């Protein structure tokens, strides 16, 4: 284990929660999409996801304590912005002080001042440099060229979710070798080619968001032969709902940069779009065959 990386808060109104935390933290989210909003908080992450209705009735989850330099100032700032106090700032021993509030979405937000603990400097950790990648368009402008498919499957939603949500489940129908961990930031790497080639598939792709049994979102790259577009990641969402005794699956491939489809754009972008327009139906056919559920 590498340490606490992300605290996830499910919220009923993602846009309102995003705006509230942007004011509290005085930063904009580094990732802002309808399925996930992420804030980089000192090298750690505060993530917001759309909540199921029954997860919004009361304070949710284990309380994560966020380290702050001025406990009183942050606590009262949160209260002034509409948070509900739970515990006022107080000392628990050894000069350590804590406080707690409920954010407007109903999530517990803990605060701690701990003079005995310092977050290691980012430069103190050595990691290998992966190929440079960018998620979405660098300028934020996306083309209106989303690829969307909806399939009716006779398999129950739990079975369809199981086929997407683990390395074993994916390897049974998508590709022989899969690296996948169901956690925010976990790998979502589908390897289509053998180890004799340098680039085998979706290396570097990661899980962006998930709601168990309902939604999975992951970043996605172009195939190795499209060198210009491969470093710039798009993303895919898979949504599941109950339908007529089976499951309705909607797959959306989005995140296409507008500049790639305008005059003067690199031809690899239309080529990448065309590649996946042909590829995803075959993937969904393979899923249906695996589940014994004819595609419709």
C-alpha atoms as a PDB file:
ATOM      1  CA  UNK A   1       0.000   0.000   0.000  1.00  0.00           C
ATOM      2  CA  UNK A   2       1.247   3.456  -0.919  1.00  0.00           C
ATOM      3  CA  UNK A   3      -0.824   5.440   1.571  1.00  0.00           C
ATOM      4  CA  UNK A   4      -4.145   7.282   1.609  1.00  0.00           C
ATOM      5  CA  UNK A   5      -4.690   8.668  -1.875  1.00  0.00           C
ATOM      6  CA  UNK A   6      -8.329   9.646  -2.262  1.00  0.00           C
ATOM      7  CA  UNK A   7     -11.350  10.395  -0.101  1.00  0.00           C
ATOM      8  CA  UNK A   8     -14.579   9.948  -2.064  1.00  0.00           C
ATOM      9  CA  UNK A   9     -17.745  11.876  -1.223  1.00  0.00           C
ATOM     10  CA  UNK A  10     -21.001  10.802  -2.950  1.00  0.00           C
ATOM     11  CA  UNK A  11     -23.218  13.828  -3.605  1.00  0.00           C
ATOM     12  CA  UNK A  12     -26.749  14.304  -4.914  1.00  0.00           C
ATOM     13  CA  UNK A  13     -25.887  17.489  -6.849  1.00  0.00           C
ATOM     14  CA  UNK A  14     -22.415  17.176  -8.349  1.00  0.00           C
ATOM     15  CA  UNK A  15     -22.282  20.730  -9.718  1.00  0.00           C
ATOM     16  CA  UNK A  16     -23.338  22.288  -6.412  1.00  0.00           C
ATOM     17  CA  UNK A  17     -20.841  20.174  -4.453  1.00  0.00           C
ATOM     18  CA  UNK A  18     -18.077  21.063  -6.916  1.00  0.00           C
ATOM     19  CA  UNK A  19     -18.774  24.778  -6.487  1.00  0.00           C
ATOM     20  CA  UNK A  20     -18.907  24.480  -2.687  1.00  0.00           C
ATOM     21  CA  UNK A  21     -15.574  22.673  -2.426  1.00  0.00           C
ATOM     22  CA  UNK A  22     -13.981  25.044  -4.936  1.00  0.00           C
ATOM     23  CA  UNK A  23     -14.894  27.924  -2.607  1.00  0.00           C
ATOM     24  CA  UNK A  24     -13.773  26.069   0.520  1.00  0.00           C
ATOM     25  CA  UNK A  25     -10.454  24.928  -0.945  1.00  0.00           C
ATOM     26  CA  UNK A  26      -9.960  28.077  -3.053  1.00  0.00           C
ATOM     27  CA  UNK A  27      -8.883  25.953  -6.018  1.00  0.00           C
ATOM     28  CA  UNK A  28     -10.542  24.620  -9.148  1.00  0.00           C
ATOM     29  CA  UNK A  29     -10.866  20.862  -9.700  1.00  0.00           C
ATOM     30  CA  UNK A  30      -8.128  19.243 -11.760  1.00  0.00           C
ATOM     31  CA  UNK A  31     -10.745  16.899 -13.271  1.00  0.00           C
ATOM     32  CA  UNK A  32     -14.337  17.972 -13.825  1.00  0.00           C
ATOM     33  CA  UNK A  33     -16.788  15.669 -15.595  1.00  0.00           C
ATOM     34  CA  UNK A  34     -20.427  14.611 -15.054  1.00  0.00           C
ATOM     35  CA  UNK A  35     -19.290  11.327 -13.494  1.00  0.00           C
ATOM     36  CA  UNK A  36     -16.394  12.538 -11.300  1.00  0.00           C
ATOM     37  CA  UNK A  37     -14.911  15.760  -9.926  1.00  0.00           C
ATOM     38  CA  UNK A  38     -11.436  15.608  -8.396  1.00  0.00           C
ATOM     39  CA  UNK A  39      -9.516  18.190  -6.368  1.00  0.00           C
ATOM     40  CA  UNK A  40      -5.758  17.947  -5.824  1.00  0.00           C
ATOM     41  CA  UNK A  41      -5.387  18.787  -2.132  1.00  0.00           C
ATOM     42  CA  UNK A  42      -1.689  18.963  -1.370  1.00  0.00           C
ATOM     43  CA  UNK A  43      -0.884  15.888  -3.445  1.00  0.00           C
ATOM     44  CA  UNK A  44      -3.870  13.917  -2.173  1.00  0.00           C
ATOM     45  CA  UNK A  45      -7.316  13.850  -3.716  1.00  0.00           C
ATOM     46  CA  UNK A  46     -10.816  14.811  -2.717  1.00  0.00           C
ATOM     47  CA  UNK A  47     -13.208  13.146  -5.153  1.00  0.00           C
ATOM     48  CA  UNK A  48     -16.916  13.808  -5.699  1.00  0.00           C
ATOM     49  CA  UNK A  49     -19.155  11.242  -7.408  1.00  0.00           C
ATOM     50  CA  UNK A  50     -22.896  11.137  -8.163  1.00  0.00           C
ATOM     51  CA  UNK A  51     -24.608   9.355  -5.285  1.00  0.00           C
ATOM     52  CA  UNK A  52     -27.328   6.794  -5.206  1.00  0.00           C
ATOM     53  CA  UNK A  53     -30.452   8.235  -3.605  1.00  0.00           C
ATOM     54  CA  UNK A  54     -30.199   6.090  -0.493  1.00  0.00           C
ATOM     55  CA  UNK A  55     -26.678   7.336   0.231  1.00  0.00           C
ATOM     56  CA  UNK A  56     -27.674  10.964   0.699  1.00  0.00           C
ATOM     57  CA  UNK A  57     -29.933  10.756   3.749  1.00  0.00           C
ATOM     58  CA  UNK A  58     -27.253  11.071   6.442  1.00  0.00           C
ATOM     59  CA  UNK A  59     -23.516  11.640   6.930  1.00  0.00           C
ATOM     60  CA  UNK A  60     -21.803   8.989   4.831  1.00  0.00           C
ATOM     61  CA  UNK A  61     -18.727   6.850   5.233  1.00  0.00           C
ATOM     62  CA  UNK A  62     -15.622   6.782   7.363  1.00  0.00           C
ATOM     63  CA  UNK A  63     -14.505  10.276   8.259  1.00  0.00           C
ATOM     64  CA  UNK A  64     -11.236  11.225   6.575  1.00  0.00           C
ATOM     65  CA  UNK A  65      -9.256  13.835   8.507  1.00  0.00           C
ATOM     66  CA  UNK A  66      -7.721  16.472   6.260  1.00  0.00           C
ATOM     67  CA  UNK A  67      -4.562  18.089   7.562  1.00  0.00           C
ATOM     68  CA  UNK A  68      -4.673  21.874   7.895  1.00  0.00           C
ATOM     69  CA  UNK A  69      -2.254  24.494   9.174  1.00  0.00           C
ATOM     70  CA  UNK A  70      -4.905  26.699  10.814  1.00  0.00           C
ATOM     71  CA  UNK A  71      -7.698  24.503  12.178  1.00  0.00           C
ATOM     72  CA  UNK A  72      -9.915  27.299  13.467  1.00  0.00           C
ATOM     73  CA  UNK A  73      -9.745  29.306  10.252  1.00  0.00           C
ATOM     74  CA  UNK A  74     -10.638  26.351   8.028  1.00  0.00           C
ATOM     75  CA  UNK A  75     -13.399  25.148  10.370  1.00  0.00           C
ATOM     76  CA  UNK A  76     -15.122  28.525  10.514  1.00  0.00           C
ATOM     77  CA  UNK A  77     -14.667  29.065   6.788  1.00  0.00           C
ATOM     78  CA  UNK A  78     -16.516  25.777   6.154  1.00  0.00           C
ATOM     79  CA  UNK A  79     -19.301  26.765   8.564  1.00  0.00           C
ATOM     80  CA  UNK A  80     -19.606  30.211   6.957  1.00  0.00           C
ATOM     81  CA  UNK A  81     -20.019  28.480   3.580  1.00  0.00           C
ATOM     82  CA  UNK A  82     -22.931  26.403   4.891  1.00  0.00           C
ATOM     83  CA  UNK A  83     -21.366  23.337   6.539  1.00  0.00           C
ATOM     84  CA  UNK A  84     -23.059  21.956   9.660  1.00  0.00           C
ATOM     85  CA  UNK A  85     -20.806  21.781  12.747  1.00  0.00           C
ATOM     86  CA  UNK A  86     -20.340  18.380  14.395  1.00  0.00           C
ATOM     87  CA  UNK A  87     -17.309  18.927  16.601  1.00  0.00           C
ATOM     88  CA  UNK A  88     -15.819  22.333  17.284  1.00  0.00           C
ATOM     89  CA  UNK A  89     -12.011  22.586  17.212  1.00  0.00           C
ATOM     90  CA  UNK A  90     -10.534  20.921  20.286  1.00  0.00           C
ATOM     91  CA  UNK A  91      -7.307  19.309  21.455  1.00  0.00           C
ATOM     92  CA  UNK A  92      -7.109  15.530  21.746  1.00  0.00           C
ATOM     93  CA  UNK A  93      -3.629  15.445  23.308  1.00  0.00           C
ATOM     94  CA  UNK A  94      -0.060  16.125  22.344  1.00  0.00           C
ATOM     95  CA  UNK A  95      -0.966  19.466  20.737  1.00  0.00           C
ATOM     96  CA  UNK A  96      -3.067  17.602  18.157  1.00  0.00           C
ATOM     97  CA  UNK A  97      -6.366  19.365  17.422  1.00  0.00           C
ATOM     98  CA  UNK A  98      -9.361  18.115  15.428  1.00  0.00           C
ATOM     99  CA  UNK A  99     -12.735  19.374  14.252  1.00  0.00           C
ATOM    100  CA  UNK A 100     -15.559  18.013  12.125  1.00  0.00           C
ATOM    101  CA  UNK A 101     -18.407  19.308   9.957  1.00  0.00           C
ATOM    102  CA  UNK A 102     -21.027  17.953   7.561  1.00  0.00           C
ATOM    103  CA  UNK A 103     -20.798  19.442   4.092  1.00  0.00           C
ATOM    104  CA  UNK A 104     -23.992  20.612   2.310  1.00  0.00           C
ATOM    105  CA  UNK A 105     -24.165  17.256   0.494  1.00  0.00           C
ATOM    106  CA  UNK A 106     -24.299  15.322   3.783  1.00  0.00           C
ATOM    107  CA  UNK A 107     -20.703  14.031   3.925  1.00  0.00           C
ATOM    108  CA  UNK A 108     -18.521  14.128   7.008  1.00  0.00           C
ATOM    109  CA  UNK A 109     -15.477  16.357   6.574  1.00  0.00           C
ATOM    110  CA  UNK A 110     -12.864  15.987   9.289  1.00  0.00           C
ATOM    111  CA  UNK A 111     -10.023  18.424   9.940  1.00  0.00           C
ATOM    112  CA  UNK A 112      -6.822  17.863  11.897  1.00  0.00           C
ATOM    113  CA  UNK A 113      -3.817  19.912  12.950  1.00  0.00           C
ATOM    114  CA  UNK A 114      -1.002  17.502  13.806  1.00  0.00           C
ATOM    115  CA  UNK A 115       2.382  19.152  14.413  1.00  0.00           C
ATOM    116  CA  UNK A 116       4.070  15.730  14.623  1.00  0.00           C
ATOM    117  CA  UNK A 117       3.329  14.617  11.048  1.00  0.00           C
ATOM    118  CA  UNK A 118       4.552  16.114   7.807  1.00  0.00           C
ATOM    119  CA  UNK A 119       3.499  14.965   4.359  1.00  0.00           C
ATOM    120  CA  UNK A 120       6.602  13.699   2.541  1.00  0.00           C
ATOM    121  CA  UNK A 121       7.766  15.988  -0.217  1.00  0.00           C
ATOM    122  CA  UNK A 122       6.725  14.780  -3.619  1.00  0.00           C
ATOM    123  CA  UNK A 123      10.317  14.867  -4.771  1.00  0.00           C
ATOM    124  CA  UNK A 124      11.281  12.343  -2.100  1.00  0.00           C
ATOM    125  CA  UNK A 125       9.548   9.544  -4.012  1.00  0.00           C
ATOM    126  CA  UNK A 126      11.235   8.138  -7.084  1.00  0.00           C
ATOM    127  CA  UNK A 127       9.015   6.697  -9.774  1.00  0.00           C
ATOM    128  CA  UNK A 128       9.703   5.613 -13.315  1.00  0.00           C
ATOM    129  CA  UNK A 129       8.579   8.090 -15.943  1.00  0.00           C
ATOM    130  CA  UNK A 130       5.695   6.683 -18.013  1.00  0.00           C
ATOM    131  CA  UNK A 131       5.011   7.952 -21.520  1.00  0.00           C
ATOM    132  CA  UNK A 132       3.659  11.492 -21.338  1.00  0.00           C
ATOM    133  CA  UNK A 133      -0.132  11.520 -21.492  1.00  0.00           C
ATOM    134  CA  UNK A 134      -2.862  14.140 -21.286  1.00  0.00           C
ATOM    135  CA  UNK A 135      -6.479  13.469 -20.319  1.00  0.00           C
ATOM    136  CA  UNK A 136      -8.919  15.389 -22.481  1.00  0.00           C
ATOM    137  CA  UNK A 137      -8.187  18.425 -24.629  1.00  0.00           C
ATOM    138  CA  UNK A 138      -5.336  20.638 -23.359  1.00  0.00           C
ATOM    139  CA  UNK A 139      -7.500  23.739 -23.910  1.00  0.00           C
ATOM    140  CA  UNK A 140     -10.630  22.086 -22.491  1.00  0.00           C
ATOM    141  CA  UNK A 141     -12.562  22.325 -25.768  1.00  0.00           C
ATOM    142  CA  UNK A 142     -14.167  19.038 -26.804  1.00  0.00           C
ATOM    143  CA  UNK A 143     -15.673  18.066 -30.141  1.00  0.00           C
ATOM    144  CA  UNK A 144     -19.327  17.047 -30.317  1.00  0.00           C
ATOM    145  CA  UNK A 145     -18.467  13.634 -31.747  1.00  0.00           C
ATOM    146  CA  UNK A 146     -19.163  11.303 -28.816  1.00  0.00           C
ATOM    147  CA  UNK A 147     -19.536   7.644 -29.712  1.00  0.00           C
ATOM    148  CA  UNK A 148     -22.535   6.092 -27.928  1.00  0.00           C
ATOM    149  CA  UNK A 149     -23.970   2.579 -28.008  1.00  0.00           C
ATOM    150  CA  UNK A 150     -26.825   1.076 -25.997  1.00  0.00           C
ATOM    151  CA  UNK A 151     -27.215  -2.686 -25.790  1.00  0.00           C
ATOM    152  CA  UNK A 152     -29.952  -4.787 -24.200  1.00  0.00           C
ATOM    153  CA  UNK A 153     -28.514  -7.868 -22.497  1.00  0.00           C
ATOM    154  CA  UNK A 154     -30.534 -10.701 -20.986  1.00  0.00           C
ATOM    155  CA  UNK A 155     -27.954 -11.203 -18.214  1.00  0.00           C
ATOM    156  CA  UNK A 156     -28.669  -9.656 -14.796  1.00  0.00           C
ATOM    157  CA  UNK A 157     -26.943  -6.401 -13.932  1.00  0.00           C
ATOM    158  CA  UNK A 158     -24.726  -8.091 -11.324  1.00  0.00           C
ATOM    159  CA  UNK A 159     -23.320 -10.432 -13.969  1.00  0.00           C
ATOM    160  CA  UNK A 160     -22.653  -7.603 -16.412  1.00  0.00           C
ATOM    161  CA  UNK A 161     -20.954  -5.569 -13.685  1.00  0.00           C
ATOM    162  CA  UNK A 162     -18.795  -8.552 -12.738  1.00  0.00           C
ATOM    163  CA  UNK A 163     -17.639  -8.807 -16.349  1.00  0.00           C
ATOM    164  CA  UNK A 164     -16.347  -5.209 -16.269  1.00  0.00           C
ATOM    165  CA  UNK A 165     -15.162  -4.679 -12.703  1.00  0.00           C
ATOM    166  CA  UNK A 166     -12.169  -6.993 -12.230  1.00  0.00           C
ATOM    167  CA  UNK A 167      -9.138  -8.189 -14.139  1.00  0.00           C
ATOM    168  CA  UNK A 168     -10.507 -11.732 -14.082  1.00  0.00           C
ATOM    169  CA  UNK A 169     -13.900 -10.650 -15.342  1.00  0.00           C
ATOM    170  CA  UNK A 170     -12.423  -8.640 -18.213  1.00  0.00           C
ATOM    171  CA  UNK A 171      -9.894 -11.319 -19.178  1.00  0.00           C
ATOM    172  CA  UNK A 172     -12.753 -13.767 -19.713  1.00  0.00           C
ATOM    173  CA  UNK A 173     -14.023 -11.831 -22.738  1.00  0.00           C
ATOM    174  CA  UNK A 174     -12.085  -8.630 -23.560  1.00  0.00           C
ATOM    175  CA  UNK A 175      -8.447  -9.762 -23.862  1.00  0.00           C
ATOM    176  CA  UNK A 176      -6.258 -12.545 -22.505  1.00  0.00           C
ATOM    177  CA  UNK A 177      -4.191 -10.238 -20.287  1.00  0.00           C
ATOM    178  CA  UNK A 178      -5.698  -7.453 -18.213  1.00  0.00           C
ATOM    179  CA  UNK A 179      -4.366  -5.207 -15.457  1.00  0.00           C
ATOM    180  CA  UNK A 180      -7.324  -3.737 -13.637  1.00  0.00           C
ATOM    181  CA  UNK A 181      -7.953  -2.599 -10.058  1.00  0.00           C
ATOM    182  CA  UNK A 182     -11.367  -1.269  -9.101  1.00  0.00           C
ATOM    183  CA  UNK A 183     -10.284   1.907  -7.328  1.00  0.00           C
ATOM    184  CA  UNK A 184     -10.001   5.535  -8.357  1.00  0.00           C
ATOM    185  CA  UNK A 185      -6.690   5.828 -10.180  1.00  0.00           C
ATOM    186  CA  UNK A 186      -6.317   2.055 -10.466  1.00  0.00           C
ATOM    187  CA  UNK A 187      -5.023   0.613 -13.751  1.00  0.00           C
ATOM    188  CA  UNK A 188      -7.417  -0.232 -16.546  1.00  0.00           C
ATOM    189  CA  UNK A 189      -4.987  -1.793 -18.997  1.00  0.00           C
ATOM    190  CA  UNK A 190      -6.227  -4.189 -21.669  1.00  0.00           C
ATOM    191  CA  UNK A 191      -3.265  -5.864 -23.389  1.00  0.00           C
ATOM    192  CA  UNK A 192      -4.103  -7.165 -26.839  1.00  0.00           C
ATOM    193  CA  UNK A 193      -0.594  -7.988 -28.044  1.00  0.00           C
ATOM    194  CA  UNK A 194       2.152 -10.223 -26.669  1.00  0.00           C
ATOM    195  CA  UNK A 195       5.203  -9.093 -24.677  1.00  0.00           C
ATOM    196  CA  UNK A 196       7.346  -9.165 -27.811  1.00  0.00           C
ATOM    197  CA  UNK A 197       6.026  -5.689 -28.764  1.00  0.00           C
ATOM    198  CA  UNK A 198       6.681  -2.484 -26.826  1.00  0.00           C
ATOM    199  CA  UNK A 199       3.101  -1.183 -26.799  1.00  0.00           C
ATOM    200  CA  UNK A 200       0.511  -3.875 -26.222  1.00  0.00           C
ATOM    201  CA  UNK A 201      -2.764  -2.032 -25.686  1.00  0.00           C
ATOM    202  CA  UNK A 202      -4.176   0.501 -23.231  1.00  0.00           C
ATOM    203  CA  UNK A 203      -1.093   0.950 -21.043  1.00  0.00           C
ATOM    204  CA  UNK A 204      -1.512   3.986 -18.788  1.00  0.00           C
ATOM    205  CA  UNK A 205      -5.306   3.941 -18.800  1.00  0.00           C
ATOM    206  CA  UNK A 206      -6.864   4.279 -15.344  1.00  0.00           C
ATOM    207  CA  UNK A 207     -10.161   3.973 -13.515  1.00  0.00           C
ATOM    208  CA  UNK A 208     -11.626   7.480 -13.249  1.00  0.00           C
ATOM    209  CA  UNK A 209     -14.849   6.760 -11.350  1.00  0.00           C
ATOM    210  CA  UNK A 210     -17.231   3.979 -10.455  1.00  0.00           C
ATOM    211  CA  UNK A 211     -20.534   3.368  -8.715  1.00  0.00           C
ATOM    212  CA  UNK A 212     -20.722  -0.367  -7.918  1.00  0.00           C
ATOM    213  CA  UNK A 213     -23.191  -2.114 -10.167  1.00  0.00           C
ATOM    214  CA  UNK A 214     -24.085   1.068 -12.012  1.00  0.00           C
ATOM    215  CA  UNK A 215     -21.202   2.977 -13.592  1.00  0.00           C
ATOM    216  CA  UNK A 216     -17.565   2.547 -14.573  1.00  0.00           C
ATOM    217  CA  UNK A 217     -15.470   5.283 -16.190  1.00  0.00           C
ATOM    218  CA  UNK A 218     -11.897   4.866 -17.383  1.00  0.00           C
ATOM    219  CA  UNK A 219      -9.366   6.744 -19.488  1.00  0.00           C
ATOM    220  CA  UNK A 220      -8.517   5.269 -22.857  1.00  0.00           C
ATOM    221  CA  UNK A 221      -5.810   5.689 -25.458  1.00  0.00           C
ATOM    222  CA  UNK A 222      -5.458   5.228 -29.187  1.00  0.00           C
ATOM    223  CA  UNK A 223      -4.006   2.000 -30.579  1.00  0.00           C
ATOM    224  CA  UNK A 224      -0.202   1.894 -30.911  1.00  0.00           C
ATOM    225  CA  UNK A 225      -0.154   2.555 -34.654  1.00  0.00           C
ATOM    226  CA  UNK A 226      -1.747   6.003 -34.196  1.00  0.00           C
ATOM    227  CA  UNK A 227       1.316   7.679 -32.719  1.00  0.00           C
ATOM    228  CA  UNK A 228       0.065  11.264 -32.638  1.00  0.00           C
ATOM    229  CA  UNK A 229      -3.117  10.628 -30.680  1.00  0.00           C
ATOM    230  CA  UNK A 230      -1.934   7.820 -28.413  1.00  0.00           C
ATOM    231  CA  UNK A 231      -0.412  10.095 -25.702  1.00  0.00           C
ATOM    232  CA  UNK A 232      -3.640  12.119 -25.350  1.00  0.00           C
ATOM    233  CA  UNK A 233      -6.224  10.104 -23.442  1.00  0.00           C
ATOM    234  CA  UNK A 234      -9.936  10.123 -24.100  1.00  0.00           C
ATOM    235  CA  UNK A 235     -12.344   8.403 -21.720  1.00  0.00           C
ATOM    236  CA  UNK A 236     -15.112   5.843 -21.700  1.00  0.00           C
ATOM    237  CA  UNK A 237     -18.143   5.408 -19.451  1.00  0.00           C
ATOM    238  CA  UNK A 238     -20.127   2.199 -19.081  1.00  0.00           C
ATOM    239  CA  UNK A 239     -23.555   2.657 -17.467  1.00  0.00           C
ATOM    240  CA  UNK A 240     -25.826  -0.193 -16.390  1.00  0.00           C
ATOM    241  CA  UNK A 241     -29.544  -0.145 -15.575  1.00  0.00           C
ATOM    242  CA  UNK A 242     -32.129  -2.853 -15.018  1.00  0.00           C
ATOM    243  CA  UNK A 243     -34.350  -3.395 -18.059  1.00  0.00           C
ATOM    244  CA  UNK A 244     -36.969  -6.040 -18.909  1.00  0.00           C
ATOM    245  CA  UNK A 245     -35.484  -8.754 -16.738  1.00  0.00           C
ATOM    246  CA  UNK A 246     -31.976  -8.057 -18.011  1.00  0.00           C
ATOM    247  CA  UNK A 247     -29.611  -5.134 -18.313  1.00  0.00           C
ATOM    248  CA  UNK A 248     -29.410  -2.035 -20.490  1.00  0.00           C
ATOM    249  CA  UNK A 249     -25.771  -1.125 -21.096  1.00  0.00           C
ATOM    250  CA  UNK A 250     -24.758   2.273 -22.473  1.00  0.00           C
ATOM    251  CA  UNK A 251     -21.142   2.782 -23.523  1.00  0.00           C
ATOM    252  CA  UNK A 252     -20.004   6.335 -24.284  1.00  0.00           C
ATOM    253  CA  UNK A 253     -16.570   7.171 -25.680  1.00  0.00           C
ATOM    254  CA  UNK A 254     -15.947  10.893 -25.193  1.00  0.00           C
ATOM    255  CA  UNK A 255     -13.162  13.395 -24.503  1.00  0.00           C
ATOM    256  CA  UNK A 256     -12.358  14.071 -28.161  1.00  0.00           C
ATOM    257  CA  UNK A 257     -10.455  17.387 -28.521  1.00  0.00           C
ATOM    258  CA  UNK A 258     -12.166  19.907 -30.775  1.00  0.00           C
ATOM    259  CA  UNK A 259      -8.880  20.941 -32.391  1.00  0.00           C
ATOM    260  CA  UNK A 260      -8.423  17.440 -33.758  1.00  0.00           C
ATOM    261  CA  UNK A 261     -11.600  17.691 -35.840  1.00  0.00           C
ATOM    262  CA  UNK A 262     -11.203  21.239 -37.124  1.00  0.00           C
ATOM    263  CA  UNK A 263      -9.491  22.416 -40.294  1.00  0.00           C
ATOM    264  CA  UNK A 264      -5.789  21.832 -39.861  1.00  0.00           C
ATOM    265  CA  UNK A 265      -6.270  19.179 -37.195  1.00  0.00           C
ATOM    266  CA  UNK A 266      -4.027  16.142 -37.230  1.00  0.00           C
ATOM    267  CA  UNK A 267      -5.465  13.329 -39.375  1.00  0.00           C
ATOM    268  CA  UNK A 268      -4.815  10.817 -36.590  1.00  0.00           C
ATOM    269  CA  UNK A 269      -7.823  12.193 -34.671  1.00  0.00           C
ATOM    270  CA  UNK A 270     -10.469  11.312 -37.282  1.00  0.00           C
ATOM    271  CA  UNK A 271      -8.611   8.029 -37.791  1.00  0.00           C
ATOM    272  CA  UNK A 272      -8.746   7.253 -34.061  1.00  0.00           C
ATOM    273  CA  UNK A 273     -12.446   8.127 -33.958  1.00  0.00           C
ATOM    274  CA  UNK A 274     -13.149   5.866 -36.942  1.00  0.00           C
ATOM    275  CA  UNK A 275     -11.104   3.063 -35.384  1.00  0.00           C
ATOM    276  CA  UNK A 276     -13.192   3.020 -32.209  1.00  0.00           C
ATOM    277  CA  UNK A 277     -16.444   3.540 -34.089  1.00  0.00           C
ATOM    278  CA  UNK A 278     -15.726   0.149 -35.621  1.00  0.00           C
ATOM    279  CA  UNK A 279     -14.048  -1.454 -32.589  1.00  0.00           C
ATOM    280  CA  UNK A 280     -16.519  -0.863 -29.753  1.00  0.00           C
ATOM    281  CA  UNK A 281     -19.418  -2.739 -31.404  1.00  0.00           C
ATOM    282  CA  UNK A 282     -17.137  -5.769 -31.714  1.00  0.00           C
ATOM    283  CA  UNK A 283     -16.203  -5.437 -28.042  1.00  0.00           C
ATOM    284  CA  UNK A 284     -19.868  -5.336 -27.040  1.00  0.00           C
ATOM    285  CA  UNK A 285     -20.595  -8.337 -29.241  1.00  0.00           C
ATOM    286  CA  UNK A 286     -17.850 -10.242 -27.398  1.00  0.00           C
ATOM    287  CA  UNK A 287     -19.377  -9.250 -24.056  1.00  0.00           C
ATOM    288  CA  UNK A 288     -22.827 -10.424 -25.147  1.00  0.00           C
ATOM    289  CA  UNK A 289     -21.410 -13.743 -26.334  1.00  0.00           C
ATOM    290  CA  UNK A 290     -19.569 -14.212 -23.038  1.00  0.00           C
ATOM    291  CA  UNK A 291     -22.731 -13.551 -21.043  1.00  0.00           C
ATOM    292  CA  UNK A 292     -24.815 -15.749 -23.294  1.00  0.00           C
ATOM    293  CA  UNK A 293     -26.979 -12.712 -23.874  1.00  0.00           C
ATOM    294  CA  UNK A 294     -27.656 -11.836 -27.514  1.00  0.00           C
ATOM    295  CA  UNK A 295     -26.888  -8.215 -28.350  1.00  0.00           C
ATOM    296  CA  UNK A 296     -29.895  -6.116 -29.292  1.00  0.00           C
END
